[in-house]
């Protein structure tokens, strides 16, 4: 997690995550992701792998872990994710507020 911003910007795979709304919508379609929910590293990791596959970009398991760490850093900087512990983040994305069913 200690990568500098300049290193992150040089990773061409991360360009797929510049539109974080698309990625978040993709995650929400596969996992229970909503405003103020917890999300775990492995959920994000598998989400990154599936998202890249949907964009016709195949990466291995280990590379996807590194990309996931970089995506998390980007989302933390935009205050979309708030770190709770080493493997858990809080989703702070009001557009994903859960709608109560009556």
C-alpha atoms as a PDB file:
ATOM      1  CA  UNK A   1       0.000   0.000   0.000  1.00  0.00           C
ATOM      2  CA  UNK A   2       2.993   2.292   0.239  1.00  0.00           C
ATOM      3  CA  UNK A   3       3.146   3.117  -3.477  1.00  0.00           C
ATOM      4  CA  UNK A   4       3.492   6.722  -4.519  1.00  0.00           C
ATOM      5  CA  UNK A   5       0.858   8.406  -6.667  1.00  0.00           C
ATOM      6  CA  UNK A   6       3.304   8.760  -9.583  1.00  0.00           C
ATOM      7  CA  UNK A   7       3.901   5.000  -9.629  1.00  0.00           C
ATOM      8  CA  UNK A   8       0.153   4.369  -9.619  1.00  0.00           C
ATOM      9  CA  UNK A   9      -0.459   6.738 -12.541  1.00  0.00           C
ATOM     10  CA  UNK A  10       2.114   4.896 -14.656  1.00  0.00           C
ATOM     11  CA  UNK A  11       0.291   1.560 -14.454  1.00  0.00           C
ATOM     12  CA  UNK A  12      -1.684   1.335 -17.732  1.00  0.00           C
ATOM     13  CA  UNK A  13      -4.115  -1.216 -16.284  1.00  0.00           C
ATOM     14  CA  UNK A  14      -5.287   1.410 -13.801  1.00  0.00           C
ATOM     15  CA  UNK A  15      -6.617   3.499 -16.660  1.00  0.00           C
ATOM     16  CA  UNK A  16      -9.537   1.058 -16.712  1.00  0.00           C
ATOM     17  CA  UNK A  17     -10.465   2.340 -13.231  1.00  0.00           C
ATOM     18  CA  UNK A  18     -10.370   6.064 -13.953  1.00  0.00           C
ATOM     19  CA  UNK A  19     -14.154   6.061 -14.125  1.00  0.00           C
ATOM     20  CA  UNK A  20     -14.716   4.714 -10.654  1.00  0.00           C
ATOM     21  CA  UNK A  21     -18.483   4.991 -10.981  1.00  0.00           C
ATOM     22  CA  UNK A  22     -18.426   2.301 -13.680  1.00  0.00           C
ATOM     23  CA  UNK A  23     -16.298   0.056 -11.484  1.00  0.00           C
ATOM     24  CA  UNK A  24     -18.538   0.629  -8.453  1.00  0.00           C
ATOM     25  CA  UNK A  25     -21.654  -0.129 -10.509  1.00  0.00           C
ATOM     26  CA  UNK A  26     -19.956  -3.287 -11.744  1.00  0.00           C
ATOM     27  CA  UNK A  27     -19.144  -4.316  -8.145  1.00  0.00           C
ATOM     28  CA  UNK A  28     -22.671  -3.587  -7.014  1.00  0.00           C
ATOM     29  CA  UNK A  29     -24.045  -5.833  -9.754  1.00  0.00           C
ATOM     30  CA  UNK A  30     -22.040  -8.770  -8.348  1.00  0.00           C
ATOM     31  CA  UNK A  31     -21.677  -8.116  -4.615  1.00  0.00           C
ATOM     32  CA  UNK A  32     -23.776  -6.476  -1.916  1.00  0.00           C
ATOM     33  CA  UNK A  33     -22.115  -3.070  -2.118  1.00  0.00           C
ATOM     34  CA  UNK A  34     -24.024  -0.063  -0.847  1.00  0.00           C
ATOM     35  CA  UNK A  35     -23.379   3.178   1.018  1.00  0.00           C
ATOM     36  CA  UNK A  36     -21.826   2.539   4.448  1.00  0.00           C
ATOM     37  CA  UNK A  37     -21.417  -1.188   3.827  1.00  0.00           C
ATOM     38  CA  UNK A  38     -18.193  -3.032   4.477  1.00  0.00           C
ATOM     39  CA  UNK A  39     -16.235  -4.400   1.580  1.00  0.00           C
ATOM     40  CA  UNK A  40     -13.397  -6.876   1.912  1.00  0.00           C
ATOM     41  CA  UNK A  41     -10.140  -7.092   0.019  1.00  0.00           C
ATOM     42  CA  UNK A  42     -10.996 -10.416  -1.594  1.00  0.00           C
ATOM     43  CA  UNK A  43     -14.343  -9.059  -2.849  1.00  0.00           C
ATOM     44  CA  UNK A  44     -12.516  -6.109  -4.401  1.00  0.00           C
ATOM     45  CA  UNK A  45      -9.843  -8.434  -5.788  1.00  0.00           C
ATOM     46  CA  UNK A  46     -12.352 -10.712  -7.517  1.00  0.00           C
ATOM     47  CA  UNK A  47     -14.290  -7.643  -8.634  1.00  0.00           C
ATOM     48  CA  UNK A  48     -11.134  -6.225 -10.241  1.00  0.00           C
ATOM     49  CA  UNK A  49     -10.443  -9.515 -12.029  1.00  0.00           C
ATOM     50  CA  UNK A  50     -14.014  -9.754 -13.330  1.00  0.00           C
ATOM     51  CA  UNK A  51     -14.118  -6.072 -14.290  1.00  0.00           C
ATOM     52  CA  UNK A  52     -10.897  -6.374 -16.272  1.00  0.00           C
ATOM     53  CA  UNK A  53     -12.180  -9.555 -17.935  1.00  0.00           C
ATOM     54  CA  UNK A  54     -15.327  -7.659 -18.954  1.00  0.00           C
ATOM     55  CA  UNK A  55     -13.014  -5.102 -20.599  1.00  0.00           C
ATOM     56  CA  UNK A  56     -11.203  -7.928 -22.461  1.00  0.00           C
ATOM     57  CA  UNK A  57      -8.083  -7.505 -20.321  1.00  0.00           C
ATOM     58  CA  UNK A  58      -6.805 -10.658 -18.713  1.00  0.00           C
ATOM     59  CA  UNK A  59      -4.454 -10.491 -15.740  1.00  0.00           C
ATOM     60  CA  UNK A  60      -3.239 -13.209 -13.427  1.00  0.00           C
ATOM     61  CA  UNK A  61      -4.264 -13.639  -9.823  1.00  0.00           C
ATOM     62  CA  UNK A  62      -1.131 -12.022  -8.373  1.00  0.00           C
ATOM     63  CA  UNK A  63      -1.135  -9.085 -10.797  1.00  0.00           C
ATOM     64  CA  UNK A  64      -4.816  -8.533 -10.012  1.00  0.00           C
ATOM     65  CA  UNK A  65      -3.947  -8.369  -6.292  1.00  0.00           C
ATOM     66  CA  UNK A  66      -1.419  -5.605  -6.985  1.00  0.00           C
ATOM     67  CA  UNK A  67      -3.899  -3.746  -9.195  1.00  0.00           C
ATOM     68  CA  UNK A  68      -6.541  -4.087  -6.471  1.00  0.00           C
ATOM     69  CA  UNK A  69      -4.190  -2.527  -3.926  1.00  0.00           C
ATOM     70  CA  UNK A  70      -3.624   0.405  -6.279  1.00  0.00           C
ATOM     71  CA  UNK A  71      -7.356   0.779  -6.973  1.00  0.00           C
ATOM     72  CA  UNK A  72      -7.994   0.824  -3.223  1.00  0.00           C
ATOM     73  CA  UNK A  73      -5.423   3.597  -2.773  1.00  0.00           C
ATOM     74  CA  UNK A  74      -7.110   5.634  -5.508  1.00  0.00           C
ATOM     75  CA  UNK A  75     -10.527   5.110  -3.940  1.00  0.00           C
ATOM     76  CA  UNK A  76      -9.209   6.007  -0.483  1.00  0.00           C
ATOM     77  CA  UNK A  77      -7.806   9.251  -1.888  1.00  0.00           C
ATOM     78  CA  UNK A  78     -11.226  10.088  -3.301  1.00  0.00           C
ATOM     79  CA  UNK A  79     -12.800   9.181   0.064  1.00  0.00           C
ATOM     80  CA  UNK A  80     -14.943   6.475  -1.553  1.00  0.00           C
ATOM     81  CA  UNK A  81     -13.340   3.820   0.658  1.00  0.00           C
ATOM     82  CA  UNK A  82     -12.388   4.320   4.288  1.00  0.00           C
ATOM     83  CA  UNK A  83      -9.985   1.800   5.742  1.00  0.00           C
ATOM     84  CA  UNK A  84     -11.262  -0.086   8.776  1.00  0.00           C
ATOM     85  CA  UNK A  85      -8.446  -2.636   9.019  1.00  0.00           C
ATOM     86  CA  UNK A  86      -5.930  -4.343   6.727  1.00  0.00           C
ATOM     87  CA  UNK A  87      -8.597  -6.215   4.755  1.00  0.00           C
ATOM     88  CA  UNK A  88     -11.804  -4.220   5.303  1.00  0.00           C
ATOM     89  CA  UNK A  89     -13.059  -0.877   4.010  1.00  0.00           C
ATOM     90  CA  UNK A  90     -16.229   1.138   4.487  1.00  0.00           C
ATOM     91  CA  UNK A  91     -17.938   2.247   1.273  1.00  0.00           C
ATOM     92  CA  UNK A  92     -18.702   5.964   1.510  1.00  0.00           C
ATOM     93  CA  UNK A  93     -20.688   6.479  -1.672  1.00  0.00           C
ATOM     94  CA  UNK A  94     -24.055   8.166  -1.006  1.00  0.00           C
ATOM     95  CA  UNK A  95     -25.336   7.352  -4.510  1.00  0.00           C
ATOM     96  CA  UNK A  96     -25.485   3.721  -3.331  1.00  0.00           C
ATOM     97  CA  UNK A  97     -27.792   4.323  -0.370  1.00  0.00           C
ATOM     98  CA  UNK A  98     -30.006   1.308   0.201  1.00  0.00           C
ATOM     99  CA  UNK A  99     -33.661   1.860  -0.587  1.00  0.00           C
ATOM    100  CA  UNK A 100     -36.030   0.484   2.015  1.00  0.00           C
ATOM    101  CA  UNK A 101     -38.729  -1.821   0.751  1.00  0.00           C
ATOM    102  CA  UNK A 102     -42.167  -1.422   2.383  1.00  0.00           C
END
